[in-house]
Amino acid sequence: MSLKVNICGIEFNNPVIAASGTFGFGKEFAEYIDINKLGGISSKGLTLHKNLGNKGIRIYETAAGIMNSIGLQNPGIEYFIKEELPFLETKDAVTIANLGGHSVEDYVKGAQMLDKTSVPIIELNISCPNVKEGGMAFGTNPKKACEVIEKVRKATKKVLMVKLSPNVGDIKEFVKIAENSGADCISLVNTFNALAIDVDNKKAVFENKTAGLSGPCIKPIALRMVYEASNATNLPIIGMGGISNYRDCLEFIMAGASAVQVGTSNFVDFNTMINIVDDLEKYMQKENLNSLEEIRKII
């Protein structure tokens, strides 16, 4: 029996990965859990230069989930390489560098910098707003999605994981765009665009009006999108969206995911991912499974 999974030639000890933006760079959580027991860690979203993020309220709790408007606050790629990556290199969990940007040029330069490091996988976050063209996210515009993926593909030899936005009409279209533009694997879904209103002050909760919704409330929709994506491509898929326990994880695997990312639930219980790994082992023993591949994409 083995929980190991292989994604694009890279072996993970198990399919449980800390989702970008929910785990920092691992140091804070390492004080409470053994992060060597995780399959992987996707870094906080990185941009070419240091970013202070959005003003005002950034986190807002909603029914069965949270909304966030962090605005890609991060110390920049150079700082990550010098100050954070050495720590991650000492851990058994596979390091994934989540790359954001507000222009194609930023994405390309960032990919070139990361290409010179030990990081095996770049997770390309195309949900970022394109500041040069009115703020529409790269990942909701087919032409721009194609352009940024193709140019980043040329800028790095690393495994390229493209993180897709759910805020599109047909996720299958963007899965094919990613595949045809050079993606090695796909992660989905990112947060859903949502709105919260402060009725007492008669205004939107967030400065930018809308924000990203995540947590258990989005799981059924995220699961459906992973299922659709798995039937649109043979590329490995890393599923996410509201995963709180091992049964949620199994649902995504049965829908076609090779691995999963866990995010919002880490804020509720920092042991969530460790519990999922332990419970997956018990499930495999109970079901007499040698590998999770035996039940992947069975529906």
C-alpha atoms as a PDB file:
ATOM      1  CA  MET A   1       0.000   0.000   0.000  1.00  0.00           C
ATOM      2  CA  SER A   2       1.318   3.415  -0.951  1.00  0.00           C
ATOM      3  CA  LEU A   3      -0.077   6.934  -0.872  1.00  0.00           C
ATOM      4  CA  LYS A   4       2.616   8.116  -3.277  1.00  0.00           C
ATOM      5  CA  VAL A   5       1.490   9.868  -6.445  1.00  0.00           C
ATOM      6  CA  ASN A   6       3.530  10.797  -9.493  1.00  0.00           C
ATOM      7  CA  ILE A   7       2.767  14.040 -11.264  1.00  0.00           C
ATOM      8  CA  CYS A   8       4.741  14.787 -14.416  1.00  0.00           C
ATOM      9  CA  GLY A   9       7.661  12.679 -13.197  1.00  0.00           C
ATOM     10  CA  ILE A  10       7.742  14.233  -9.740  1.00  0.00           C
ATOM     11  CA  GLU A  11       6.958  11.925  -6.837  1.00  0.00           C
ATOM     12  CA  PHE A  12       4.812  13.167  -3.960  1.00  0.00           C
ATOM     13  CA  ASN A  13       4.696  11.186  -0.715  1.00  0.00           C
ATOM     14  CA  ASN A  14       0.929  11.565  -0.748  1.00  0.00           C
ATOM     15  CA  PRO A  15      -1.699  13.532  -2.695  1.00  0.00           C
ATOM     16  CA  VAL A  16      -2.286  16.231  -0.055  1.00  0.00           C
ATOM     17  CA  ILE A  17      -0.843  19.639  -0.931  1.00  0.00           C
ATOM     18  CA  ALA A  18      -1.143  22.899   0.999  1.00  0.00           C
ATOM     19  CA  ALA A  19      -2.959  25.386  -1.217  1.00  0.00           C
ATOM     20  CA  SER A  20      -1.355  28.665  -2.174  1.00  0.00           C
ATOM     21  CA  GLY A  21      -2.271  31.631  -0.019  1.00  0.00           C
ATOM     22  CA  THR A  22      -3.323  29.537   2.959  1.00  0.00           C
ATOM     23  CA  PHE A  23      -0.004  28.206   4.220  1.00  0.00           C
ATOM     24  CA  GLY A  24       2.451  31.046   3.754  1.00  0.00           C
ATOM     25  CA  PHE A  25       5.831  29.494   3.054  1.00  0.00           C
ATOM     26  CA  GLY A  26       5.375  26.778   5.662  1.00  0.00           C
ATOM     27  CA  LYS A  27       7.398  28.208   8.547  1.00  0.00           C
ATOM     28  CA  GLU A  28       4.469  29.259  10.716  1.00  0.00           C
ATOM     29  CA  PHE A  29       2.674  25.935  10.362  1.00  0.00           C
ATOM     30  CA  ALA A  30       5.908  24.035  10.967  1.00  0.00           C
ATOM     31  CA  GLU A  31       5.699  25.165  14.597  1.00  0.00           C
ATOM     32  CA  TYR A  32       2.516  23.103  15.001  1.00  0.00           C
ATOM     33  CA  ILE A  33       2.616  20.231  12.513  1.00  0.00           C
ATOM     34  CA  ASP A  34       5.234  18.079  10.821  1.00  0.00           C
ATOM     35  CA  ILE A  35       5.111  19.454   7.298  1.00  0.00           C
ATOM     36  CA  ASN A  36       7.311  16.577   6.124  1.00  0.00           C
ATOM     37  CA  LYS A  37       4.117  14.514   6.224  1.00  0.00           C
ATOM     38  CA  LEU A  38       2.523  16.611   3.474  1.00  0.00           C
ATOM     39  CA  GLY A  39       2.700  15.731  -0.181  1.00  0.00           C
ATOM     40  CA  GLY A  40       3.526  19.262  -1.218  1.00  0.00           C
ATOM     41  CA  ILE A  41       3.360  22.950  -0.393  1.00  0.00           C
ATOM     42  CA  SER A  42       2.221  25.565  -2.875  1.00  0.00           C
ATOM     43  CA  SER A  43       3.789  28.859  -1.894  1.00  0.00           C
ATOM     44  CA  LYS A  44       2.016  32.097  -1.221  1.00  0.00           C
ATOM     45  CA  GLY A  45       1.339  33.792  -4.557  1.00  0.00           C
ATOM     46  CA  LEU A  46       4.569  35.395  -5.767  1.00  0.00           C
ATOM     47  CA  THR A  47       4.954  38.479  -7.921  1.00  0.00           C
ATOM     48  CA  LEU A  48       8.041  39.947  -9.546  1.00  0.00           C
ATOM     49  CA  HIS A  49       8.264  42.710  -6.958  1.00  0.00           C
ATOM     50  CA  LYS A  50       7.135  43.056  -3.354  1.00  0.00           C
ATOM     51  CA  ASN A  51       3.399  43.697  -3.088  1.00  0.00           C
ATOM     52  CA  LEU A  52       1.649  45.178  -0.049  1.00  0.00           C
ATOM     53  CA  GLY A  53      -1.770  43.867  -1.080  1.00  0.00           C
ATOM     54  CA  ASN A  54      -5.207  45.425  -0.808  1.00  0.00           C
ATOM     55  CA  LYS A  55      -6.450  48.014   1.666  1.00  0.00           C
ATOM     56  CA  GLY A  56      -9.365  47.572   4.036  1.00  0.00           C
ATOM     57  CA  ILE A  57     -10.927  44.308   5.171  1.00  0.00           C
ATOM     58  CA  ARG A  58      -9.169  41.290   3.692  1.00  0.00           C
ATOM     59  CA  ILE A  59     -10.924  38.306   5.254  1.00  0.00           C
ATOM     60  CA  TYR A  60     -14.655  37.987   5.840  1.00  0.00           C
ATOM     61  CA  GLU A  61     -16.404  34.909   7.169  1.00  0.00           C
ATOM     62  CA  THR A  62     -19.521  33.723   5.375  1.00  0.00           C
ATOM     63  CA  ALA A  63     -21.773  30.687   5.650  1.00  0.00           C
ATOM     64  CA  ALA A  64     -19.613  27.561   5.233  1.00  0.00           C
ATOM     65  CA  GLY A  65     -16.668  29.517   3.901  1.00  0.00           C
ATOM     66  CA  ILE A  66     -14.647  32.711   3.781  1.00  0.00           C
ATOM     67  CA  MET A  67     -14.143  35.562   1.360  1.00  0.00           C
ATOM     68  CA  ASN A  68     -10.723  37.085   0.851  1.00  0.00           C
ATOM     69  CA  SER A  69      -9.315  40.137  -0.837  1.00  0.00           C
ATOM     70  CA  ILE A  70      -5.630  39.848   0.021  1.00  0.00           C
ATOM     71  CA  GLY A  71      -4.396  41.317  -3.226  1.00  0.00           C
ATOM     72  CA  LEU A  72      -1.337  39.081  -3.648  1.00  0.00           C
ATOM     73  CA  GLN A  73       0.552  40.512  -0.695  1.00  0.00           C
ATOM     74  CA  ASN A  74       3.990  38.901  -0.850  1.00  0.00           C
ATOM     75  CA  PRO A  75       7.692  39.736  -0.412  1.00  0.00           C
ATOM     76  CA  GLY A  76       8.584  39.263  -4.083  1.00  0.00           C
ATOM     77  CA  ILE A  77      10.306  36.439  -5.948  1.00  0.00           C
ATOM     78  CA  GLU A  78      13.873  37.483  -5.125  1.00  0.00           C
ATOM     79  CA  TYR A  79      13.115  37.492  -1.385  1.00  0.00           C
ATOM     80  CA  PHE A  80      11.395  34.103  -1.698  1.00  0.00           C
ATOM     81  CA  ILE A  81      14.443  32.610  -3.395  1.00  0.00           C
ATOM     82  CA  LYS A  82      16.907  33.986  -0.842  1.00  0.00           C
ATOM     83  CA  GLU A  83      14.944  33.823   2.403  1.00  0.00           C
ATOM     84  CA  GLU A  84      12.133  31.264   2.127  1.00  0.00           C
ATOM     85  CA  LEU A  85      13.191  28.606  -0.361  1.00  0.00           C
ATOM     86  CA  PRO A  86      16.191  27.341   1.697  1.00  0.00           C
ATOM     87  CA  PHE A  87      13.762  26.330   4.455  1.00  0.00           C
ATOM     88  CA  LEU A  88      11.441  24.506   2.029  1.00  0.00           C
ATOM     89  CA  GLU A  89      14.415  22.708   0.462  1.00  0.00           C
ATOM     90  CA  THR A  90      15.026  20.930   3.785  1.00  0.00           C
ATOM     91  CA  LYS A  91      11.520  19.393   3.806  1.00  0.00           C
ATOM     92  CA  ASP A  92      10.177  16.210   2.224  1.00  0.00           C
ATOM     93  CA  ALA A  93       7.101  17.975   0.827  1.00  0.00           C
ATOM     94  CA  VAL A  94       7.411  18.966  -2.837  1.00  0.00           C
ATOM     95  CA  THR A  95       7.786  22.731  -3.238  1.00  0.00           C
ATOM     96  CA  ILE A  96       5.477  24.410  -5.740  1.00  0.00           C
ATOM     97  CA  ALA A  97       6.067  28.090  -6.535  1.00  0.00           C
ATOM     98  CA  ASN A  98       2.787  29.891  -7.200  1.00  0.00           C
ATOM     99  CA  LEU A  99       3.479  32.626  -9.753  1.00  0.00           C
ATOM    100  CA  GLY A 100       1.252  35.657 -10.219  1.00  0.00           C
ATOM    101  CA  GLY A 101       1.593  38.812 -12.283  1.00  0.00           C
ATOM    102  CA  HIS A 102      -0.243  41.838 -13.601  1.00  0.00           C
ATOM    103  CA  SER A 103       1.331  41.808 -17.056  1.00  0.00           C
ATOM    104  CA  VAL A 104       2.654  39.147 -19.398  1.00  0.00           C
ATOM    105  CA  GLU A 105       6.133  40.597 -18.971  1.00  0.00           C
ATOM    106  CA  ASP A 106       5.956  40.188 -15.188  1.00  0.00           C
ATOM    107  CA  TYR A 107       4.933  36.547 -15.526  1.00  0.00           C
ATOM    108  CA  VAL A 108       7.776  35.822 -17.946  1.00  0.00           C
ATOM    109  CA  LYS A 109      10.454  37.513 -15.823  1.00  0.00           C
ATOM    110  CA  GLY A 110       9.182  35.728 -12.728  1.00  0.00           C
ATOM    111  CA  ALA A 111       9.272  32.357 -14.486  1.00  0.00           C
ATOM    112  CA  GLN A 112      12.822  33.006 -15.672  1.00  0.00           C
ATOM    113  CA  MET A 113      13.933  33.729 -12.096  1.00  0.00           C
ATOM    114  CA  LEU A 114      12.238  30.617 -10.707  1.00  0.00           C
ATOM    115  CA  ASP A 115      13.686  28.518 -13.515  1.00  0.00           C
ATOM    116  CA  LYS A 116      17.144  28.992 -11.987  1.00  0.00           C
ATOM    117  CA  THR A 117      16.087  27.543  -8.622  1.00  0.00           C
ATOM    118  CA  SER A 118      15.528  24.046  -7.221  1.00  0.00           C
ATOM    119  CA  VAL A 119      11.738  24.484  -7.346  1.00  0.00           C
ATOM    120  CA  PRO A 120      10.410  21.583  -9.460  1.00  0.00           C
ATOM    121  CA  ILE A 121       6.954  22.996 -10.256  1.00  0.00           C
ATOM    122  CA  ILE A 122       5.658  26.456 -11.124  1.00  0.00           C
ATOM    123  CA  GLU A 123       1.942  26.929 -10.509  1.00  0.00           C
ATOM    124  CA  LEU A 124       0.865  29.665 -12.901  1.00  0.00           C
ATOM    125  CA  ASN A 125      -1.969  31.681 -11.380  1.00  0.00           C
ATOM    126  CA  ILE A 126      -3.801  33.205 -14.337  1.00  0.00           C
ATOM    127  CA  SER A 127      -6.601  34.597 -12.168  1.00  0.00           C
ATOM    128  CA  CYS A 128      -4.625  37.825 -11.689  1.00  0.00           C
ATOM    129  CA  PRO A 129      -6.024  41.057 -13.200  1.00  0.00           C
ATOM    130  CA  ASN A 130      -4.352  42.296 -16.373  1.00  0.00           C
ATOM    131  CA  VAL A 131      -3.642  45.912 -15.396  1.00  0.00           C
ATOM    132  CA  LYS A 132      -2.667  46.872 -18.939  1.00  0.00           C
ATOM    133  CA  GLU A 133      -6.071  45.940 -20.320  1.00  0.00           C
ATOM    134  CA  GLY A 134      -8.665  47.148 -17.865  1.00  0.00           C
ATOM    135  CA  GLY A 135      -8.200  44.661 -15.033  1.00  0.00           C
ATOM    136  CA  MET A 136      -9.880  41.583 -16.532  1.00  0.00           C
ATOM    137  CA  ALA A 137      -8.234  38.427 -15.227  1.00  0.00           C
ATOM    138  CA  PHE A 138      -5.948  36.646 -17.693  1.00  0.00           C
ATOM    139  CA  GLY A 139      -7.756  33.426 -16.889  1.00  0.00           C
ATOM    140  CA  THR A 140     -11.170  34.626 -18.071  1.00  0.00           C
ATOM    141  CA  ASN A 141      -9.991  35.813 -21.484  1.00  0.00           C
ATOM    142  CA  PRO A 142      -9.170  32.929 -23.857  1.00  0.00           C
ATOM    143  CA  LYS A 143      -6.736  34.960 -25.987  1.00  0.00           C
ATOM    144  CA  LYS A 144      -4.836  36.350 -23.002  1.00  0.00           C
ATOM    145  CA  ALA A 145      -4.802  33.005 -21.201  1.00  0.00           C
ATOM    146  CA  CYS A 146      -3.236  31.422 -24.265  1.00  0.00           C
ATOM    147  CA  GLU A 147      -0.648  34.201 -24.581  1.00  0.00           C
ATOM    148  CA  VAL A 148       0.558  34.165 -20.988  1.00  0.00           C
ATOM    149  CA  ILE A 149       0.756  30.361 -20.778  1.00  0.00           C
ATOM    150  CA  GLU A 150       2.664  30.092 -24.061  1.00  0.00           C
ATOM    151  CA  LYS A 151       5.183  32.766 -23.092  1.00  0.00           C
ATOM    152  CA  VAL A 152       5.760  31.360 -19.613  1.00  0.00           C
ATOM    153  CA  ARG A 153       6.170  27.905 -21.142  1.00  0.00           C
ATOM    154  CA  LYS A 154       9.016  29.250 -23.269  1.00  0.00           C
ATOM    155  CA  ALA A 155      10.574  30.961 -20.238  1.00  0.00           C
ATOM    156  CA  THR A 156      11.016  27.859 -18.079  1.00  0.00           C
ATOM    157  CA  LYS A 157      11.831  24.174 -18.263  1.00  0.00           C
ATOM    158  CA  LYS A 158      10.100  23.513 -14.941  1.00  0.00           C
ATOM    159  CA  VAL A 159       6.909  21.498 -14.744  1.00  0.00           C
ATOM    160  CA  LEU A 160       4.192  24.052 -15.533  1.00  0.00           C
ATOM    161  CA  MET A 161       0.990  23.710 -13.549  1.00  0.00           C
ATOM    162  CA  VAL A 162      -1.710  26.135 -14.684  1.00  0.00           C
ATOM    163  CA  LYS A 163      -4.218  27.189 -12.026  1.00  0.00           C
ATOM    164  CA  LEU A 164      -7.588  27.889 -13.605  1.00  0.00           C
ATOM    165  CA  SER A 165     -10.284  30.325 -12.565  1.00  0.00           C
ATOM    166  CA  PRO A 166     -13.828  29.003 -12.074  1.00  0.00           C
ATOM    167  CA  ASN A 167     -15.248  32.358 -13.165  1.00  0.00           C
ATOM    168  CA  VAL A 168     -15.671  31.317 -16.781  1.00  0.00           C
ATOM    169  CA  GLY A 169     -18.533  30.047 -18.895  1.00  0.00           C
ATOM    170  CA  ASP A 170     -17.031  26.668 -19.808  1.00  0.00           C
ATOM    171  CA  ILE A 171     -14.116  25.288 -17.800  1.00  0.00           C
ATOM    172  CA  LYS A 172     -13.449  22.678 -20.505  1.00  0.00           C
ATOM    173  CA  GLU A 173     -12.547  25.446 -22.975  1.00  0.00           C
ATOM    174  CA  PHE A 174      -9.861  26.782 -20.657  1.00  0.00           C
ATOM    175  CA  VAL A 175      -8.575  23.295 -19.878  1.00  0.00           C
ATOM    176  CA  LYS A 176      -7.955  22.793 -23.595  1.00  0.00           C
ATOM    177  CA  ILE A 177      -6.373  26.255 -23.889  1.00  0.00           C
ATOM    178  CA  ALA A 178      -3.980  25.391 -21.081  1.00  0.00           C
ATOM    179  CA  GLU A 179      -3.136  22.012 -22.594  1.00  0.00           C
ATOM    180  CA  ASN A 180      -2.598  23.390 -26.105  1.00  0.00           C
ATOM    181  CA  SER A 181      -0.523  26.293 -24.790  1.00  0.00           C
ATOM    182  CA  GLY A 182       2.017  24.102 -23.021  1.00  0.00           C
ATOM    183  CA  ALA A 183       0.702  23.236 -19.557  1.00  0.00           C
ATOM    184  CA  ASP A 184       2.053  20.007 -18.061  1.00  0.00           C
ATOM    185  CA  CYS A 185      -0.734  19.749 -15.494  1.00  0.00           C
ATOM    186  CA  ILE A 186      -3.689  21.743 -14.238  1.00  0.00           C
ATOM    187  CA  SER A 187      -4.932  22.867 -10.845  1.00  0.00           C
ATOM    188  CA  LEU A 188      -8.492  24.019 -10.214  1.00  0.00           C
ATOM    189  CA  VAL A 189     -10.456  25.735  -8.927  1.00  0.00           C
ATOM    190  CA  ASN A 190      -9.338  29.132  -7.742  1.00  0.00           C
ATOM    191  CA  THR A 191     -11.797  31.211  -5.703  1.00  0.00           C
ATOM    192  CA  PHE A 192     -15.230  32.226  -6.951  1.00  0.00           C
ATOM    193  CA  ASN A 193     -15.955  35.911  -7.481  1.00  0.00           C
ATOM    194  CA  ALA A 194     -18.469  36.934  -4.800  1.00  0.00           C
ATOM    195  CA  LEU A 195     -20.002  39.917  -3.032  1.00  0.00           C
ATOM    196  CA  ALA A 196     -20.704  40.728   0.630  1.00  0.00           C
ATOM    197  CA  ILE A 197     -22.627  43.793   1.819  1.00  0.00           C
ATOM    198  CA  ASP A 198     -22.468  45.524   5.200  1.00  0.00           C
ATOM    199  CA  VAL A 199     -26.151  46.381   5.712  1.00  0.00           C
ATOM    200  CA  ASP A 200     -25.458  48.520   8.793  1.00  0.00           C
ATOM    201  CA  ASN A 201     -23.039  50.791   6.940  1.00  0.00           C
ATOM    202  CA  LYS A 202     -24.855  50.327   3.629  1.00  0.00           C
ATOM    203  CA  LYS A 203     -21.768  49.519   1.616  1.00  0.00           C
ATOM    204  CA  ALA A 204     -19.765  46.604   0.264  1.00  0.00           C
ATOM    205  CA  VAL A 205     -17.604  44.854   2.856  1.00  0.00           C
ATOM    206  CA  PHE A 206     -14.524  44.938   0.621  1.00  0.00           C
ATOM    207  CA  GLU A 207     -12.805  47.987  -0.857  1.00  0.00           C
ATOM    208  CA  ASN A 208     -12.814  46.336  -4.283  1.00  0.00           C
ATOM    209  CA  LYS A 209     -16.508  45.427  -3.908  1.00  0.00           C
ATOM    210  CA  THR A 210     -16.109  41.756  -4.898  1.00  0.00           C
ATOM    211  CA  ALA A 211     -13.733  39.175  -3.416  1.00  0.00           C
ATOM    212  CA  GLY A 212     -12.794  35.500  -3.688  1.00  0.00           C
ATOM    213  CA  LEU A 213     -15.055  32.915  -2.051  1.00  0.00           C
ATOM    214  CA  SER A 214     -13.621  29.621  -0.790  1.00  0.00           C
ATOM    215  CA  GLY A 215     -14.454  26.880   1.710  1.00  0.00           C
ATOM    216  CA  PRO A 216     -16.935  23.993   1.971  1.00  0.00           C
ATOM    217  CA  CYS A 217     -19.693  26.040   0.310  1.00  0.00           C
ATOM    218  CA  ILE A 218     -17.936  25.829  -3.083  1.00  0.00           C
ATOM    219  CA  LYS A 219     -17.043  22.121  -2.955  1.00  0.00           C
ATOM    220  CA  PRO A 220     -19.898  20.685  -5.049  1.00  0.00           C
ATOM    221  CA  ILE A 221     -19.264  23.210  -7.828  1.00  0.00           C
ATOM    222  CA  ALA A 222     -15.495  22.750  -7.683  1.00  0.00           C
ATOM    223  CA  LEU A 223     -15.969  18.984  -7.780  1.00  0.00           C
ATOM    224  CA  ARG A 224     -18.148  19.272 -10.865  1.00  0.00           C
ATOM    225  CA  MET A 225     -15.510  21.397 -12.595  1.00  0.00           C
ATOM    226  CA  VAL A 226     -12.732  18.927 -11.763  1.00  0.00           C
ATOM    227  CA  TYR A 227     -14.903  16.131 -13.159  1.00  0.00           C
ATOM    228  CA  GLU A 228     -15.486  18.104 -16.374  1.00  0.00           C
ATOM    229  CA  ALA A 229     -11.802  18.959 -16.643  1.00  0.00           C
ATOM    230  CA  SER A 230     -10.737  15.342 -16.174  1.00  0.00           C
ATOM    231  CA  ASN A 231     -12.953  14.367 -19.092  1.00  0.00           C
ATOM    232  CA  ALA A 232     -11.530  17.122 -21.285  1.00  0.00           C
ATOM    233  CA  THR A 233      -7.823  16.273 -20.941  1.00  0.00           C
ATOM    234  CA  ASN A 234      -5.355  13.546 -20.077  1.00  0.00           C
ATOM    235  CA  LEU A 235      -3.129  15.980 -18.198  1.00  0.00           C
ATOM    236  CA  PRO A 236      -2.815  15.388 -14.440  1.00  0.00           C
ATOM    237  CA  ILE A 237      -5.292  17.453 -12.445  1.00  0.00           C
ATOM    238  CA  ILE A 238      -4.843  18.804  -8.930  1.00  0.00           C
ATOM    239  CA  GLY A 239      -8.291  19.477  -7.510  1.00  0.00           C
ATOM    240  CA  MET A 240      -9.273  21.919  -4.805  1.00  0.00           C
ATOM    241  CA  GLY A 241     -12.259  23.721  -3.383  1.00  0.00           C
ATOM    242  CA  GLY A 242     -13.694  23.175   0.072  1.00  0.00           C
ATOM    243  CA  ILE A 243     -11.767  20.036   1.022  1.00  0.00           C
ATOM    244  CA  SER A 244     -12.042  19.526   4.780  1.00  0.00           C
ATOM    245  CA  ASN A 245     -11.518  15.797   5.344  1.00  0.00           C
ATOM    246  CA  TYR A 246     -10.414  12.563   3.689  1.00  0.00           C
ATOM    247  CA  ARG A 247     -13.836  11.880   2.205  1.00  0.00           C
ATOM    248  CA  ASP A 248     -13.759  15.219   0.394  1.00  0.00           C
ATOM    249  CA  CYS A 249     -10.305  14.306  -0.879  1.00  0.00           C
ATOM    250  CA  LEU A 250     -11.550  10.949  -2.126  1.00  0.00           C
ATOM    251  CA  GLU A 251     -14.420  12.611  -3.985  1.00  0.00           C
ATOM    252  CA  PHE A 252     -11.979  14.734  -5.966  1.00  0.00           C
ATOM    253  CA  ILE A 253      -9.801  11.709  -6.726  1.00  0.00           C
ATOM    254  CA  MET A 254     -12.807   9.694  -7.845  1.00  0.00           C
ATOM    255  CA  ALA A 255     -13.789  12.638 -10.071  1.00  0.00           C
ATOM    256  CA  GLY A 256     -10.400  12.467 -11.774  1.00  0.00           C
ATOM    257  CA  ALA A 257      -7.875  14.401  -9.679  1.00  0.00           C
ATOM    258  CA  SER A 258      -4.403  12.947  -9.182  1.00  0.00           C
ATOM    259  CA  ALA A 259      -3.843  15.076  -6.081  1.00  0.00           C
ATOM    260  CA  VAL A 260      -5.629  17.772  -4.101  1.00  0.00           C
ATOM    261  CA  GLN A 261      -4.879  21.089  -2.467  1.00  0.00           C
ATOM    262  CA  VAL A 262      -6.323  22.014   0.922  1.00  0.00           C
ATOM    263  CA  GLY A 263      -6.741  25.668   1.797  1.00  0.00           C
ATOM    264  CA  THR A 264      -9.496  27.278   3.848  1.00  0.00           C
ATOM    265  CA  SER A 265      -9.762  24.346   6.254  1.00  0.00           C
ATOM    266  CA  ASN A 266      -6.209  25.018   7.419  1.00  0.00           C
ATOM    267  CA  PHE A 267      -7.533  28.162   9.097  1.00  0.00           C
ATOM    268  CA  VAL A 268     -10.154  26.162  10.985  1.00  0.00           C
ATOM    269  CA  ASP A 269      -7.831  23.375  12.142  1.00  0.00           C
ATOM    270  CA  PHE A 270      -4.098  23.394  11.423  1.00  0.00           C
ATOM    271  CA  ASN A 271      -4.136  19.579  11.695  1.00  0.00           C
ATOM    272  CA  THR A 272      -6.574  19.188   8.791  1.00  0.00           C
ATOM    273  CA  MET A 273      -4.052  18.011   6.196  1.00  0.00           C
ATOM    274  CA  ILE A 274      -2.259  15.654   8.562  1.00  0.00           C
ATOM    275  CA  ASN A 275      -5.624  14.149   9.509  1.00  0.00           C
ATOM    276  CA  ILE A 276      -6.489  13.686   5.847  1.00  0.00           C
ATOM    277  CA  VAL A 277      -3.229  11.831   5.183  1.00  0.00           C
ATOM    278  CA  ASP A 278      -3.734   9.562   8.198  1.00  0.00           C
ATOM    279  CA  ASP A 279      -7.356   8.850   7.302  1.00  0.00           C
ATOM    280  CA  LEU A 280      -6.477   8.110   3.680  1.00  0.00           C
ATOM    281  CA  GLU A 281      -4.092   5.405   4.901  1.00  0.00           C
ATOM    282  CA  LYS A 282      -6.851   3.869   7.029  1.00  0.00           C
ATOM    283  CA  TYR A 283      -9.272   4.002   4.089  1.00  0.00           C
ATOM    284  CA  MET A 284      -6.804   2.253   1.783  1.00  0.00           C
ATOM    285  CA  GLN A 285      -6.233  -0.494   4.341  1.00  0.00           C
ATOM    286  CA  LYS A 286      -9.970  -0.922   4.833  1.00  0.00           C
ATOM    287  CA  GLU A 287     -10.622  -1.065   1.080  1.00  0.00           C
ATOM    288  CA  ASN A 288      -7.527  -3.195   0.395  1.00  0.00           C
ATOM    289  CA  LEU A 289      -6.126  -0.685  -2.101  1.00  0.00           C
ATOM    290  CA  ASN A 290      -2.514  -0.693  -3.217  1.00  0.00           C
ATOM    291  CA  SER A 291      -2.715   2.752  -4.784  1.00  0.00           C
ATOM    292  CA  LEU A 292      -5.183   5.610  -4.999  1.00  0.00           C
ATOM    293  CA  GLU A 293      -4.867   5.288  -8.757  1.00  0.00           C
ATOM    294  CA  GLU A 294      -7.156   2.271  -8.450  1.00  0.00           C
ATOM    295  CA  ILE A 295     -10.087   4.530  -7.591  1.00  0.00           C
ATOM    296  CA  ARG A 296      -9.138   7.640  -9.542  1.00  0.00           C
ATOM    297  CA  LYS A 297     -11.705   8.736 -12.113  1.00  0.00           C
ATOM    298  CA  ILE A 298     -14.079   5.880 -11.381  1.00  0.00           C
ATOM    299  CA  ILE A 299     -17.270   7.846 -11.995  1.00  0.00           C
END
